Structure formats: structure tokens, C-alpha cells
Amino acid sequence: MKRPPPGRNAMSPLRLGFIGIGLMGTPMTRRLLEAGFDVTVWNRSADKARALEADGARLAASIAELTQGVDVVMLCLANTAVVKEVVFGDGGVASVGSAGKTLVDFSSSDPAATRDMAARLEAACGMGWVDSPVSGGVAGAEAGSLAVMCGGDADRMAAVEPLLAPLAARVTHMGGVGSGQVTKVCNQMVVGCQAAVLAETVALAESSGVDATRLVEALSGGFADSKPFQILTPRMASADYAEPPWHLRTLLKDLDMAVAQSQRSQSATPMSGLAAQLMRTHATQGHADNDPATLVEHYRKPRN
């Protein structure tokens, strides 16, 4: 597909900045460029950002330079601590932000910390915050079929939503700032608990003499079917852990946020807490950067 030259999208004069050019940020930025948006990028590892020049991206030498030159700053970062550093660290977004700009955070961050950071950013420079975590993985980012769950002021959300169209099959405004992050926590509770039980499922099938590679064929379309089932079960059954679609440390981080949010809201999360502990044990055994599908190895009998 031939991409348009750099320039403002005819439907939106807003200039976009994207910080966090990783597994998700790279295809998301490419989608925005293909849609004709003017996008400036910055990444801690400059080579990743530089790779997008051929797609029409402008490169910023610093976070401050990017923030000064755009109307909307988009983040897709590893965790809450990194978001805080990018926004409030030396030369960060807050140092040059202004009331006419908006920050859109695609990262999966702690809901309470998100509310605190949004209030702090507005107090510091008047800049607004829309939390917009995503679900759908790298494949969804490449296809523009992500599910985006948003929290923020209604007027600011209405202004931002057209910018999300190239990225998402569905955008849902869940309420005020932090509501998007709470919704993403709920999403990850479902995914994390499924990952944990799928490991038991595959191991049980194998130890009972059933070909676990046929579980997807047998159960697709039934009540057990789901995206995690379709993605993780074949990888577990075949012990194919190459090129993981996401990392165990990321899922563990999100489950820990679910437990923390449950304590704040006084809502019990025993299953999510157990899934987090199982993953923490697995992570401490050297699997933090591996595919969550490797959880099955805890239960699998040695293969001859």
C-alpha cells in the first residue's frame, strides 16, 4: 500500500506525537501514517523511531521537542513507572505542555496512578489526559482492529476519538480519567485467569492420552472458545514459544494491578490473585520475558 507523504490529515489538522515505538507502538504509528496523519515520533532506543522515517514519520530529538511540536501526545509504554518518567521527568511532557494539548495514554497503567498523573499534569501546565489502553495484541495493532477503552472528559474524548479510527475496530468511552485503565484491568483478569487454566487443560489432555493439538478443533465455537484459547492452546500443545505475542511479565504486571485495584475498591479477586502468584513463580524461574504459554511446562509430564 502506497503511503501518503508527510502532511496533515485532511479530516484532522491535529499534529500527533507518538512516544514508545515497540511491539505495539510501531504498527500503531504506521496505521496513523497510512491514514495521512502528521506524526512525530520519539523512542528511548532511537533506532526504532528512525525505522519509521521511511513511512513518513518525523523524528524528534527529545520528548520536549516532540511535545512542543504537536497537539496530541500519544504514549505506548511498558508500565506506570515509565509513563511517569516520560511525563514528569527532566525534559518530559509536563515541562513544555500547555492547555491546548492533550495526552493520550495507550499504556496499561495503574488506574489510581493514572488519575493522580492526570491531575498533576493539568495542574502543572493545563494539559488534558485521556487514558486509552488497548486490547488485541500486535495482530490487532497491525490490522487496525484494536479494542480501545477510554477514560477522560467527554469533550476531550470526542476530540480524540477520530484519531483512534485507524487503530481500532471499537472505541468505548467508559467514564472519567482512569476508567479506561480499570476496564483494561478487567480485560487482563479474564485473559490471565484463562492463561492459567489453559495450561492445566493442555497438560490434563496430554496426561490422559488425548492429542492436545486437536483441542482447538474440538472446542472452537463452544462455550470454552475465546481469543486466549485460540492463541495460547496451540502454542502450549506444540511447545512452540518462539516469537511470543506478548510476555509473561506484562500479564503479571496487569494482574498485580487488578489485585491492587481490588484492595482500593474492596472487591474480592481470589482467582486473579492466584493466577498472579502462579505467574510470579514462573517468572522467578527465568520465564518473565517468555510467552505465557510456557506456563504449561509446570504441569506437563516429561516427554520421552
C-alpha atoms as a PDB file:
ATOM      1  CA  MET A   1       0.000   0.000   0.000  1.00  0.00           C
ATOM      2  CA  LYS A   2       1.485   3.354  -1.020  1.00  0.00           C
ATOM      3  CA  ARG A   3       1.636   5.706   1.927  1.00  0.00           C
ATOM      4  CA  PRO A   4       0.896   9.408   1.602  1.00  0.00           C
ATOM      5  CA  PRO A   5       3.704  11.904   2.108  1.00  0.00           C
ATOM      6  CA  PRO A   6       4.026  13.597   5.494  1.00  0.00           C
ATOM      7  CA  GLY A   7       1.317  16.173   5.998  1.00  0.00           C
ATOM      8  CA  ARG A   8      -1.820  16.859   7.954  1.00  0.00           C
ATOM      9  CA  ASN A   9      -4.779  14.571   7.511  1.00  0.00           C
ATOM     10  CA  ALA A  10      -7.495  16.336   5.541  1.00  0.00           C
ATOM     11  CA  MET A  11     -10.047  15.341   8.174  1.00  0.00           C
ATOM     12  CA  SER A  12      -7.940  16.484  11.124  1.00  0.00           C
ATOM     13  CA  PRO A  13      -5.457  19.368  11.368  1.00  0.00           C
ATOM     14  CA  LEU A  14      -4.088  17.944  14.606  1.00  0.00           C
ATOM     15  CA  ARG A  15      -0.402  17.117  14.728  1.00  0.00           C
ATOM     16  CA  LEU A  16       0.326  13.859  16.547  1.00  0.00           C
ATOM     17  CA  GLY A  17       3.338  12.772  18.568  1.00  0.00           C
ATOM     18  CA  PHE A  18       3.964   9.110  19.409  1.00  0.00           C
ATOM     19  CA  ILE A  19       6.294   8.038  22.222  1.00  0.00           C
ATOM     20  CA  GLY A  20       7.051   4.329  22.653  1.00  0.00           C
ATOM     21  CA  ILE A  21       7.974   2.646  19.377  1.00  0.00           C
ATOM     22  CA  GLY A  22       7.836  -1.003  20.447  1.00  0.00           C
ATOM     23  CA  LEU A  23       5.843  -4.130  19.628  1.00  0.00           C
ATOM     24  CA  MET A  24       2.561  -2.199  19.697  1.00  0.00           C
ATOM     25  CA  GLY A  25       3.746   1.344  19.081  1.00  0.00           C
ATOM     26  CA  THR A  26       5.394   0.570  15.747  1.00  0.00           C
ATOM     27  CA  PRO A  27       2.326  -0.831  13.955  1.00  0.00           C
ATOM     28  CA  MET A  28       0.044   1.751  15.608  1.00  0.00           C
ATOM     29  CA  THR A  29       2.236   4.579  14.332  1.00  0.00           C
ATOM     30  CA  ARG A  30       2.296   3.049  10.864  1.00  0.00           C
ATOM     31  CA  ARG A  31      -1.520   2.904  10.873  1.00  0.00           C
ATOM     32  CA  LEU A  32      -1.692   6.615  11.712  1.00  0.00           C
ATOM     33  CA  LEU A  33       0.811   7.458   8.972  1.00  0.00           C
ATOM     34  CA  GLU A  34      -1.084   5.377   6.423  1.00  0.00           C
ATOM     35  CA  ALA A  35      -4.212   7.325   7.333  1.00  0.00           C
ATOM     36  CA  GLY A  36      -2.372  10.524   6.409  1.00  0.00           C
ATOM     37  CA  PHE A  37      -1.755  11.976   9.849  1.00  0.00           C
ATOM     38  CA  ASP A  38       1.247  14.158  10.567  1.00  0.00           C
ATOM     39  CA  VAL A  39       3.135  12.049  13.154  1.00  0.00           C
ATOM     40  CA  THR A  40       6.335  12.874  15.032  1.00  0.00           C
ATOM     41  CA  VAL A  41       7.985  10.035  16.963  1.00  0.00           C
ATOM     42  CA  TRP A  42      10.434   9.636  19.826  1.00  0.00           C
ATOM     43  CA  ASN A  43      11.768   6.484  21.459  1.00  0.00           C
ATOM     44  CA  ARG A  44      14.404   5.804  24.073  1.00  0.00           C
ATOM     45  CA  SER A  45      16.050   3.446  21.545  1.00  0.00           C
ATOM     46  CA  ALA A  46      16.418   5.891  18.665  1.00  0.00           C
ATOM     47  CA  ASP A  47      16.916   3.196  16.008  1.00  0.00           C
ATOM     48  CA  LYS A  48      13.322   2.001  16.447  1.00  0.00           C
ATOM     49  CA  ALA A  49      11.996   5.503  15.863  1.00  0.00           C
ATOM     50  CA  ARG A  50      14.355   6.069  12.939  1.00  0.00           C
ATOM     51  CA  ALA A  51      12.958   2.978  11.213  1.00  0.00           C
ATOM     52  CA  LEU A  52       9.649   4.824  10.771  1.00  0.00           C
ATOM     53  CA  GLU A  53      11.172   7.653   8.728  1.00  0.00           C
ATOM     54  CA  ALA A  54      10.598   5.648   5.565  1.00  0.00           C
ATOM     55  CA  ASP A  55       6.908   5.521   6.430  1.00  0.00           C
ATOM     56  CA  GLY A  56       6.718   9.311   6.676  1.00  0.00           C
ATOM     57  CA  ALA A  57       7.293   9.901  10.377  1.00  0.00           C
ATOM     58  CA  ARG A  58       9.159  12.950  11.611  1.00  0.00           C
ATOM     59  CA  LEU A  59      11.825  12.344  14.258  1.00  0.00           C
ATOM     60  CA  ALA A  60      12.132  14.384  17.442  1.00  0.00           C
ATOM     61  CA  ALA A  61      15.436  14.676  19.250  1.00  0.00           C
ATOM     62  CA  SER A  62      13.750  14.769  22.660  1.00  0.00           C
ATOM     63  CA  ILE A  63      10.432  14.380  24.443  1.00  0.00           C
ATOM     64  CA  ALA A  64      10.256  18.145  24.930  1.00  0.00           C
ATOM     65  CA  GLU A  65      10.848  18.825  21.234  1.00  0.00           C
ATOM     66  CA  LEU A  66       8.102  16.353  20.304  1.00  0.00           C
ATOM     67  CA  THR A  67       5.637  17.832  22.809  1.00  0.00           C
ATOM     68  CA  GLN A  68       6.265  21.394  21.658  1.00  0.00           C
ATOM     69  CA  GLY A  69       5.637  20.496  18.014  1.00  0.00           C
ATOM     70  CA  VAL A  70       2.371  18.559  18.297  1.00  0.00           C
ATOM     71  CA  ASP A  71      -1.203  18.952  19.508  1.00  0.00           C
ATOM     72  CA  VAL A  72      -1.700  15.415  20.834  1.00  0.00           C
ATOM     73  CA  VAL A  73       0.981  13.345  22.570  1.00  0.00           C
ATOM     74  CA  MET A  74       0.367   9.577  22.401  1.00  0.00           C
ATOM     75  CA  LEU A  75       2.136   7.150  24.729  1.00  0.00           C
ATOM     76  CA  CYS A  76       2.507   3.384  24.428  1.00  0.00           C
ATOM     77  CA  LEU A  77       4.899   2.431  27.218  1.00  0.00           C
ATOM     78  CA  ALA A  78       5.834  -0.574  29.318  1.00  0.00           C
ATOM     79  CA  ASN A  79       4.326   0.339  32.675  1.00  0.00           C
ATOM     80  CA  THR A  80       3.184   3.074  35.039  1.00  0.00           C
ATOM     81  CA  ALA A  81       6.696   3.958  36.159  1.00  0.00           C
ATOM     82  CA  VAL A  82       7.839   4.588  32.585  1.00  0.00           C
ATOM     83  CA  VAL A  83       4.760   6.716  31.876  1.00  0.00           C
ATOM     84  CA  LYS A  84       5.508   8.805  34.965  1.00  0.00           C
ATOM     85  CA  GLU A  85       9.134   9.287  33.921  1.00  0.00           C
ATOM     86  CA  VAL A  86       8.246  10.303  30.343  1.00  0.00           C
ATOM     87  CA  VAL A  87       5.613  12.786  31.509  1.00  0.00           C
ATOM     88  CA  PHE A  88       7.225  14.253  34.642  1.00  0.00           C
ATOM     89  CA  GLY A  89      10.932  13.505  34.310  1.00  0.00           C
ATOM     90  CA  ASP A  90      13.510  16.100  33.319  1.00  0.00           C
ATOM     91  CA  GLY A  91      12.535  17.472  29.910  1.00  0.00           C
ATOM     92  CA  GLY A  92       9.332  15.448  29.983  1.00  0.00           C
ATOM     93  CA  VAL A  93       5.906  16.213  28.563  1.00  0.00           C
ATOM     94  CA  ALA A  94       4.833  18.313  31.569  1.00  0.00           C
ATOM     95  CA  SER A  95       7.816  20.632  31.207  1.00  0.00           C
ATOM     96  CA  VAL A  96       6.530  22.095  27.924  1.00  0.00           C
ATOM     97  CA  GLY A  97       2.867  21.049  27.782  1.00  0.00           C
ATOM     98  CA  SER A  98       0.060  23.582  27.524  1.00  0.00           C
ATOM     99  CA  ALA A  99      -3.705  23.842  27.880  1.00  0.00           C
ATOM    100  CA  GLY A 100      -4.269  23.423  24.153  1.00  0.00           C
ATOM    101  CA  LYS A 101      -2.651  19.979  24.094  1.00  0.00           C
ATOM    102  CA  THR A 102      -3.913  16.512  25.050  1.00  0.00           C
ATOM    103  CA  LEU A 103      -2.070  13.407  26.237  1.00  0.00           C
ATOM    104  CA  VAL A 104      -3.477  10.028  25.114  1.00  0.00           C
ATOM    105  CA  ASP A 105      -2.026   7.097  27.043  1.00  0.00           C
ATOM    106  CA  PHE A 106      -2.341   3.705  25.308  1.00  0.00           C
ATOM    107  CA  SER A 107      -0.203   2.072  28.012  1.00  0.00           C
ATOM    108  CA  SER A 108      -1.696  -0.305  30.575  1.00  0.00           C
ATOM    109  CA  SER A 109      -1.169   1.723  33.737  1.00  0.00           C
ATOM    110  CA  ASP A 110      -2.424   1.633  37.300  1.00  0.00           C
ATOM    111  CA  PRO A 111      -5.864   3.342  37.493  1.00  0.00           C
ATOM    112  CA  ALA A 112      -5.183   5.288  40.698  1.00  0.00           C
ATOM    113  CA  ALA A 113      -1.779   6.428  39.473  1.00  0.00           C
ATOM    114  CA  THR A 114      -3.368   7.469  36.171  1.00  0.00           C
ATOM    115  CA  ARG A 115      -5.869   9.706  37.964  1.00  0.00           C
ATOM    116  CA  ASP A 116      -3.075  11.228  40.041  1.00  0.00           C
ATOM    117  CA  MET A 117      -0.878  11.834  36.988  1.00  0.00           C
ATOM    118  CA  ALA A 118      -3.739  13.397  35.039  1.00  0.00           C
ATOM    119  CA  ALA A 119      -4.486  15.826  37.868  1.00  0.00           C
ATOM    120  CA  ARG A 120      -0.792  16.626  38.277  1.00  0.00           C
ATOM    121  CA  LEU A 121      -0.331  17.265  34.533  1.00  0.00           C
ATOM    122  CA  GLU A 122      -3.320  19.582  34.371  1.00  0.00           C
ATOM    123  CA  ALA A 123      -2.137  21.480  37.436  1.00  0.00           C
ATOM    124  CA  ALA A 124       1.373  21.789  36.009  1.00  0.00           C
ATOM    125  CA  CYS A 125       0.548  23.027  32.519  1.00  0.00           C
ATOM    126  CA  GLY A 126      -3.193  22.742  31.797  1.00  0.00           C
ATOM    127  CA  MET A 127      -2.752  19.743  29.502  1.00  0.00           C
ATOM    128  CA  GLY A 128      -5.585  17.168  29.440  1.00  0.00           C
ATOM    129  CA  TRP A 129      -5.316  13.390  29.769  1.00  0.00           C
ATOM    130  CA  VAL A 130      -7.267  10.583  28.093  1.00  0.00           C
ATOM    131  CA  ASP A 131      -6.345   7.067  29.207  1.00  0.00           C
ATOM    132  CA  SER A 132      -6.874   4.736  26.243  1.00  0.00           C
ATOM    133  CA  PRO A 133      -5.430   1.268  26.920  1.00  0.00           C
ATOM    134  CA  VAL A 134      -5.875  -1.233  24.123  1.00  0.00           C
ATOM    135  CA  SER A 135      -6.581  -4.928  23.663  1.00  0.00           C
ATOM    136  CA  GLY A 136      -5.935  -7.044  20.599  1.00  0.00           C
ATOM    137  CA  GLY A 137      -2.192  -7.542  20.592  1.00  0.00           C
ATOM    138  CA  VAL A 138       0.279  -6.942  17.812  1.00  0.00           C
ATOM    139  CA  ALA A 139      -2.019  -8.532  15.238  1.00  0.00           C
ATOM    140  CA  GLY A 140      -4.801  -6.117  16.185  1.00  0.00           C
ATOM    141  CA  ALA A 141      -2.402  -3.172  16.037  1.00  0.00           C
ATOM    142  CA  GLU A 142      -1.262  -4.180  12.550  1.00  0.00           C
ATOM    143  CA  ALA A 143      -4.813  -4.674  11.293  1.00  0.00           C
ATOM    144  CA  GLY A 144      -6.268  -1.598  12.979  1.00  0.00           C
ATOM    145  CA  SER A 145      -8.739  -3.794  14.846  1.00  0.00           C
ATOM    146  CA  LEU A 146      -7.854  -2.978  18.449  1.00  0.00           C
ATOM    147  CA  ALA A 147     -10.441  -2.551  21.168  1.00  0.00           C
ATOM    148  CA  VAL A 148      -9.780   0.781  22.877  1.00  0.00           C
ATOM    149  CA  MET A 149     -11.282   1.564  26.281  1.00  0.00           C
ATOM    150  CA  CYS A 150     -11.083   5.223  27.243  1.00  0.00           C
ATOM    151  CA  GLY A 151     -11.355   7.402  30.308  1.00  0.00           C
ATOM    152  CA  GLY A 152     -11.468  11.181  30.261  1.00  0.00           C
ATOM    153  CA  ASP A 153     -13.504  14.346  29.917  1.00  0.00           C
ATOM    154  CA  ALA A 154     -16.361  13.884  27.414  1.00  0.00           C
ATOM    155  CA  ASP A 155     -15.434  16.886  25.243  1.00  0.00           C
ATOM    156  CA  ARG A 156     -11.778  15.937  25.120  1.00  0.00           C
ATOM    157  CA  MET A 157     -12.742  12.343  24.351  1.00  0.00           C
ATOM    158  CA  ALA A 158     -14.920  13.492  21.446  1.00  0.00           C
ATOM    159  CA  ALA A 159     -11.978  15.411  20.008  1.00  0.00           C
ATOM    160  CA  VAL A 160      -9.636  12.448  20.344  1.00  0.00           C
ATOM    161  CA  GLU A 161     -11.923   9.693  19.046  1.00  0.00           C
ATOM    162  CA  PRO A 162     -11.423  10.435  15.305  1.00  0.00           C
ATOM    163  CA  LEU A 163      -7.686   9.993  15.826  1.00  0.00           C
ATOM    164  CA  LEU A 164      -8.288   6.459  17.067  1.00  0.00           C
ATOM    165  CA  ALA A 165     -10.249   5.358  13.989  1.00  0.00           C
ATOM    166  CA  PRO A 166      -7.199   3.994  12.084  1.00  0.00           C
ATOM    167  CA  LEU A 167      -6.240   1.934  15.135  1.00  0.00           C
ATOM    168  CA  ALA A 168      -9.453   0.437  16.395  1.00  0.00           C
ATOM    169  CA  ALA A 169     -12.450  -1.658  15.498  1.00  0.00           C
ATOM    170  CA  ARG A 170     -14.141  -0.338  18.634  1.00  0.00           C
ATOM    171  CA  VAL A 171     -13.638   2.667  20.902  1.00  0.00           C
ATOM    172  CA  THR A 172     -15.631   2.825  24.145  1.00  0.00           C
ATOM    173  CA  HIS A 173     -15.730   5.834  26.457  1.00  0.00           C
ATOM    174  CA  MET A 174     -16.024   4.275  29.923  1.00  0.00           C
ATOM    175  CA  GLY A 175     -16.189   7.442  32.038  1.00  0.00           C
ATOM    176  CA  GLY A 176     -13.787   9.857  33.695  1.00  0.00           C
ATOM    177  CA  VAL A 177      -9.996   9.654  33.759  1.00  0.00           C
ATOM    178  CA  GLY A 178      -8.856   6.228  34.988  1.00  0.00           C
ATOM    179  CA  SER A 179     -11.990   4.427  33.801  1.00  0.00           C
ATOM    180  CA  GLY A 180     -10.209   3.120  30.730  1.00  0.00           C
ATOM    181  CA  GLN A 181      -7.457   1.664  32.897  1.00  0.00           C
ATOM    182  CA  VAL A 182      -9.970  -0.012  35.222  1.00  0.00           C
ATOM    183  CA  THR A 183     -11.608  -1.574  32.154  1.00  0.00           C
ATOM    184  CA  LYS A 184      -8.240  -2.819  30.876  1.00  0.00           C
ATOM    185  CA  VAL A 185      -7.580  -4.365  34.297  1.00  0.00           C
ATOM    186  CA  CYS A 186     -10.892  -6.238  33.931  1.00  0.00           C
ATOM    187  CA  ASN A 187      -9.805  -7.425  30.483  1.00  0.00           C
ATOM    188  CA  GLN A 188      -6.499  -8.701  31.827  1.00  0.00           C
ATOM    189  CA  MET A 189      -8.175 -10.507  34.715  1.00  0.00           C
ATOM    190  CA  VAL A 190     -10.090 -12.580  32.160  1.00  0.00           C
ATOM    191  CA  VAL A 191      -7.004 -13.158  29.993  1.00  0.00           C
ATOM    192  CA  GLY A 192      -4.713 -14.008  32.912  1.00  0.00           C
ATOM    193  CA  CYS A 193      -7.089 -16.471  34.541  1.00  0.00           C
ATOM    194  CA  GLN A 194      -7.691 -18.129  31.171  1.00  0.00           C
ATOM    195  CA  ALA A 195      -3.956 -18.476  30.582  1.00  0.00           C
ATOM    196  CA  ALA A 196      -3.562 -20.187  33.937  1.00  0.00           C
ATOM    197  CA  VAL A 197      -6.373 -22.684  33.397  1.00  0.00           C
ATOM    198  CA  LEU A 198      -5.401 -23.363  29.776  1.00  0.00           C
ATOM    199  CA  ALA A 199      -2.016 -24.595  30.989  1.00  0.00           C
ATOM    200  CA  GLU A 200      -3.797 -27.096  33.244  1.00  0.00           C
ATOM    201  CA  THR A 201      -6.170 -28.039  30.418  1.00  0.00           C
ATOM    202  CA  VAL A 202      -3.465 -28.876  27.894  1.00  0.00           C
ATOM    203  CA  ALA A 203      -1.442 -30.848  30.449  1.00  0.00           C
ATOM    204  CA  LEU A 204      -4.517 -32.797  31.555  1.00  0.00           C
ATOM    205  CA  ALA A 205      -5.386 -33.713  27.974  1.00  0.00           C
ATOM    206  CA  GLU A 206      -1.841 -34.925  27.320  1.00  0.00           C
ATOM    207  CA  SER A 207      -1.566 -36.941  30.527  1.00  0.00           C
ATOM    208  CA  SER A 208      -4.910 -38.565  29.728  1.00  0.00           C
ATOM    209  CA  GLY A 209      -3.763 -39.728  26.307  1.00  0.00           C
ATOM    210  CA  VAL A 210      -5.634 -37.084  24.290  1.00  0.00           C
ATOM    211  CA  ASP A 211      -3.960 -35.207  21.430  1.00  0.00           C
ATOM    212  CA  ALA A 212      -3.901 -31.672  22.852  1.00  0.00           C
ATOM    213  CA  THR A 213      -3.101 -30.225  19.427  1.00  0.00           C
ATOM    214  CA  ARG A 214      -6.722 -31.009  18.480  1.00  0.00           C
ATOM    215  CA  LEU A 215      -8.317 -29.144  21.391  1.00  0.00           C
ATOM    216  CA  VAL A 216      -8.905 -26.017  19.330  1.00  0.00           C
ATOM    217  CA  GLU A 217     -10.510 -28.054  16.562  1.00  0.00           C
ATOM    218  CA  ALA A 218     -12.747 -29.821  19.079  1.00  0.00           C
ATOM    219  CA  LEU A 219     -13.779 -26.860  21.225  1.00  0.00           C
ATOM    220  CA  SER A 220     -13.945 -23.949  18.788  1.00  0.00           C
ATOM    221  CA  GLY A 221     -17.384 -22.392  18.701  1.00  0.00           C
ATOM    222  CA  GLY A 222     -18.365 -23.842  22.078  1.00  0.00           C
ATOM    223  CA  PHE A 223     -18.533 -22.163  25.462  1.00  0.00           C
ATOM    224  CA  ALA A 224     -14.788 -22.682  26.051  1.00  0.00           C
ATOM    225  CA  ASP A 225     -13.830 -20.728  22.936  1.00  0.00           C
ATOM    226  CA  SER A 226     -12.098 -17.359  23.256  1.00  0.00           C
ATOM    227  CA  LYS A 227      -9.226 -15.356  21.783  1.00  0.00           C
ATOM    228  CA  PRO A 228      -6.779 -16.521  24.510  1.00  0.00           C
ATOM    229  CA  PHE A 229      -7.914 -20.116  23.922  1.00  0.00           C
ATOM    230  CA  GLN A 230      -7.305 -19.774  20.168  1.00  0.00           C
ATOM    231  CA  ILE A 231      -3.870 -18.173  20.635  1.00  0.00           C
ATOM    232  CA  LEU A 232      -2.413 -19.957  23.664  1.00  0.00           C
ATOM    233  CA  THR A 233      -3.706 -23.525  23.335  1.00  0.00           C
ATOM    234  CA  PRO A 234      -1.894 -24.398  20.073  1.00  0.00           C
ATOM    235  CA  ARG A 235       1.334 -22.872  21.377  1.00  0.00           C
ATOM    236  CA  MET A 236       1.068 -24.835  24.620  1.00  0.00           C
ATOM    237  CA  ALA A 237       0.182 -28.084  22.870  1.00  0.00           C
ATOM    238  CA  SER A 238       3.045 -27.866  20.388  1.00  0.00           C
ATOM    239  CA  ALA A 239       5.503 -26.285  22.866  1.00  0.00           C
ATOM    240  CA  ASP A 240       6.052 -23.546  20.288  1.00  0.00           C
ATOM    241  CA  TYR A 241       7.152 -20.495  22.259  1.00  0.00           C
ATOM    242  CA  ALA A 242       9.049 -18.632  19.531  1.00  0.00           C
ATOM    243  CA  GLU A 243       8.106 -15.015  18.775  1.00  0.00           C
ATOM    244  CA  PRO A 244       5.685 -14.653  21.695  1.00  0.00           C
ATOM    245  CA  PRO A 245       2.680 -12.395  21.029  1.00  0.00           C
ATOM    246  CA  TRP A 246       3.177 -10.922  24.499  1.00  0.00           C
ATOM    247  CA  HIS A 247       5.326 -11.531  27.571  1.00  0.00           C
ATOM    248  CA  LEU A 248       4.510 -13.152  30.894  1.00  0.00           C
ATOM    249  CA  ARG A 249       5.925 -10.157  32.818  1.00  0.00           C
ATOM    250  CA  THR A 250       3.341  -7.904  31.147  1.00  0.00           C
ATOM    251  CA  LEU A 251       0.434 -10.138  32.095  1.00  0.00           C
ATOM    252  CA  LEU A 252       1.768 -10.459  35.648  1.00  0.00           C
ATOM    253  CA  LYS A 253       2.056  -6.671  35.931  1.00  0.00           C
ATOM    254  CA  ASP A 254      -1.586  -6.296  34.907  1.00  0.00           C
ATOM    255  CA  LEU A 255      -2.789  -8.971  37.339  1.00  0.00           C
ATOM    256  CA  ASP A 256      -0.890  -7.242  40.136  1.00  0.00           C
ATOM    257  CA  MET A 257      -2.713  -4.028  39.209  1.00  0.00           C
ATOM    258  CA  ALA A 258      -6.016  -5.921  39.378  1.00  0.00           C
ATOM    259  CA  VAL A 259      -5.237  -7.091  42.913  1.00  0.00           C
ATOM    260  CA  ALA A 260      -4.202  -3.570  43.936  1.00  0.00           C
ATOM    261  CA  GLN A 261      -7.392  -2.112  42.475  1.00  0.00           C
ATOM    262  CA  SER A 262      -9.465  -4.750  44.276  1.00  0.00           C
ATOM    263  CA  GLN A 263      -7.946  -3.641  47.576  1.00  0.00           C
ATOM    264  CA  ARG A 264      -8.772   0.003  46.855  1.00  0.00           C
ATOM    265  CA  SER A 265     -12.337  -0.801  45.816  1.00  0.00           C
ATOM    266  CA  GLN A 266     -12.864  -3.538  48.436  1.00  0.00           C
ATOM    267  CA  SER A 267     -13.780  -6.068  45.738  1.00  0.00           C
ATOM    268  CA  ALA A 268     -12.520  -9.647  46.105  1.00  0.00           C
ATOM    269  CA  THR A 269     -10.328 -11.081  43.307  1.00  0.00           C
ATOM    270  CA  PRO A 270      -9.238 -14.540  44.534  1.00  0.00           C
ATOM    271  CA  MET A 271      -8.886 -16.104  41.073  1.00  0.00           C
ATOM    272  CA  SER A 272      -6.844 -13.207  39.691  1.00  0.00           C
ATOM    273  CA  GLY A 273      -4.663 -13.241  42.793  1.00  0.00           C
ATOM    274  CA  LEU A 274      -3.975 -16.951  42.374  1.00  0.00           C
ATOM    275  CA  ALA A 275      -3.202 -16.520  38.673  1.00  0.00           C
ATOM    276  CA  ALA A 276      -0.759 -13.747  39.592  1.00  0.00           C
ATOM    277  CA  GLN A 277       1.027 -15.962  42.111  1.00  0.00           C
ATOM    278  CA  LEU A 278       1.327 -18.823  39.607  1.00  0.00           C
ATOM    279  CA  MET A 279       2.811 -16.426  37.065  1.00  0.00           C
ATOM    280  CA  ARG A 280       5.123 -14.856  39.640  1.00  0.00           C
ATOM    281  CA  THR A 281       6.516 -18.302  40.470  1.00  0.00           C
ATOM    282  CA  HIS A 282       7.036 -18.975  36.769  1.00  0.00           C
ATOM    283  CA  ALA A 283       8.646 -15.562  36.240  1.00  0.00           C
ATOM    284  CA  THR A 284      11.143 -16.102  39.082  1.00  0.00           C
ATOM    285  CA  GLN A 285      12.247 -19.316  37.356  1.00  0.00           C
ATOM    286  CA  GLY A 286      13.540 -17.332  34.381  1.00  0.00           C
ATOM    287  CA  HIS A 287      10.368 -17.025  32.304  1.00  0.00           C
ATOM    288  CA  ALA A 288       9.454 -13.354  32.820  1.00  0.00           C
ATOM    289  CA  ASP A 289      10.305 -12.466  29.214  1.00  0.00           C
ATOM    290  CA  ASN A 290       8.806 -15.646  27.783  1.00  0.00           C
ATOM    291  CA  ASP A 291       5.410 -16.434  26.318  1.00  0.00           C
ATOM    292  CA  PRO A 292       2.669 -17.019  28.944  1.00  0.00           C
ATOM    293  CA  ALA A 293       2.094 -20.284  27.050  1.00  0.00           C
ATOM    294  CA  THR A 294       5.187 -21.635  28.819  1.00  0.00           C
ATOM    295  CA  LEU A 295       3.011 -21.964  31.961  1.00  0.00           C
ATOM    296  CA  VAL A 296       2.052 -25.421  30.687  1.00  0.00           C
ATOM    297  CA  GLU A 297       5.558 -26.672  31.454  1.00  0.00           C
ATOM    298  CA  HIS A 298       4.722 -26.514  35.174  1.00  0.00           C
ATOM    299  CA  TYR A 299       2.185 -29.303  34.698  1.00  0.00           C
ATOM    300  CA  ARG A 300       3.490 -31.231  31.712  1.00  0.00           C
ATOM    301  CA  LYS A 301       4.963 -34.664  32.259  1.00  0.00           C
ATOM    302  CA  PRO A 302       8.452 -35.131  30.795  1.00  0.00           C
ATOM    303  CA  ARG A 303       8.274 -36.083  27.134  1.00  0.00           C
ATOM    304  CA  ASN A 304      10.112 -39.199  26.004  1.00  0.00           C
END
